[in-house]
Amino acid sequence: MTDASKYDRAVTLICPTCGDTQFESDEHDENATVTCVSCGLQITRTDLIEANGENISGQVEQIKSEVVADLKAQLQKSLKGFRMK
């Protein structure tokens, strides 16, 4: 069995205006806007996540590939030595 935590990822969100990765926000308020430290863009967390959708999707696809490869390897290992009559 594989350790599922190896598939954990932290996706760095990027400002859709300037490409910076540093934001200020009220960490305790999920509905608060975040502000890009570099250019001052104010954007909701939801909109920031949506603007980074391609980056997030790419990470998801990479994780899927890793899971499939690991499952394939586990299946091959478990069937090693098994012969059909």
Protein backbone atom coordinates (compact mmCIF):
# COMPACT_ATOMS: atom_id res chain seq x y z
CA MET A 1 0.00 0.00 0.00
CA THR A 2 1.35 3.45 -0.84
CA ASP A 3 1.40 6.44 1.45
CA ALA A 4 -1.31 8.78 0.13
CA SER A 5 0.45 11.80 1.64
CA LYS A 6 3.05 11.55 -1.12
CA TYR A 7 0.41 12.93 -3.45
CA ASP A 8 -0.09 16.08 -1.38
CA ARG A 9 0.78 19.28 -3.23
CA ALA A 10 0.89 22.95 -2.42
CA VAL A 11 -0.02 24.90 -5.52
CA THR A 12 1.44 28.40 -5.60
CA LEU A 13 -1.18 30.86 -6.78
CA ILE A 14 0.00 33.56 -9.17
CA CYS A 15 -1.37 37.07 -9.56
CA PRO A 16 -3.22 37.20 -12.89
CA THR A 17 -2.01 40.77 -13.43
CA CYS A 18 1.70 40.72 -12.61
CA GLY A 19 2.61 37.08 -11.98
CA ASP A 20 3.78 37.64 -8.40
CA THR A 21 3.07 35.00 -5.76
CA GLN A 22 2.85 37.12 -2.62
CA PHE A 23 -0.57 38.12 -1.31
CA GLU A 24 -1.90 39.78 1.81
CA SER A 25 -5.23 38.78 3.29
CA ASP A 26 -7.16 38.20 6.47
CA GLU A 27 -6.35 34.53 7.04
CA HIS A 28 -9.38 34.12 9.30
CA ASP A 29 -11.92 35.38 6.76
CA GLU A 30 -12.43 33.01 3.84
CA ASN A 31 -14.58 35.61 2.05
CA ALA A 32 -12.08 38.45 2.34
CA THR A 33 -10.31 39.74 -0.73
CA VAL A 34 -6.61 39.14 -1.15
CA THR A 35 -4.23 41.85 -2.30
CA CYS A 36 -1.20 41.25 -4.47
CA VAL A 37 1.82 42.69 -2.67
CA SER A 38 3.49 43.63 -5.94
CA CYS A 39 0.81 45.33 -8.02
CA GLY A 40 -1.96 45.93 -5.47
CA LEU A 41 -4.62 43.92 -7.33
CA GLN A 42 -7.51 43.10 -5.03
CA ILE A 43 -9.27 39.86 -5.89
CA THR A 44 -11.47 37.36 -4.11
CA ARG A 45 -9.96 34.02 -3.18
CA THR A 46 -12.47 32.32 -5.46
CA ASP A 47 -11.49 34.48 -8.43
CA LEU A 48 -7.78 33.96 -7.70
CA ILE A 49 -8.27 30.20 -7.66
CA GLU A 50 -10.28 30.41 -10.89
CA ALA A 51 -7.56 32.54 -12.52
CA ASN A 52 -5.05 29.84 -11.60
CA GLY A 53 -7.24 27.02 -12.92
CA GLU A 54 -4.79 25.91 -15.61
CA ASN A 55 -1.96 25.64 -13.07
CA ILE A 56 -4.18 23.75 -10.63
CA SER A 57 -5.46 21.41 -13.37
CA GLY A 58 -1.88 20.68 -14.40
CA GLN A 59 -1.02 19.65 -10.85
CA VAL A 60 -4.13 17.45 -10.66
CA GLU A 61 -3.16 15.73 -13.94
CA GLN A 62 0.37 15.13 -12.63
CA ILE A 63 -1.00 13.56 -9.44
CA LYS A 64 -3.37 11.38 -11.47
CA SER A 65 -0.44 10.13 -13.55
CA GLU A 66 1.53 9.29 -10.41
CA VAL A 67 -1.42 7.45 -8.85
CA VAL A 68 -2.01 5.40 -12.01
CA ALA A 69 1.68 4.50 -12.29
CA ASP A 70 1.82 3.49 -8.61
CA LEU A 71 -1.36 1.40 -8.89
CA LYS A 72 -0.01 -0.32 -12.00
CA ALA A 73 3.25 -1.12 -10.22
CA GLN A 74 1.37 -2.45 -7.17
CA LEU A 75 -0.86 -4.60 -9.34
CA GLN A 76 2.09 -6.03 -11.26
CA LYS A 77 3.88 -6.74 -7.98
CA SER A 78 0.83 -8.44 -6.49
CA LEU A 79 0.34 -10.60 -9.60
CA LYS A 80 4.00 -11.58 -9.86
CA GLY A 81 4.25 -15.32 -9.70
CA PHE A 82 0.52 -15.80 -10.29
CA ARG A 83 -0.11 -18.13 -13.19
CA MET A 84 -3.39 -18.91 -14.86
CA LYS A 85 -4.14 -22.58 -15.58
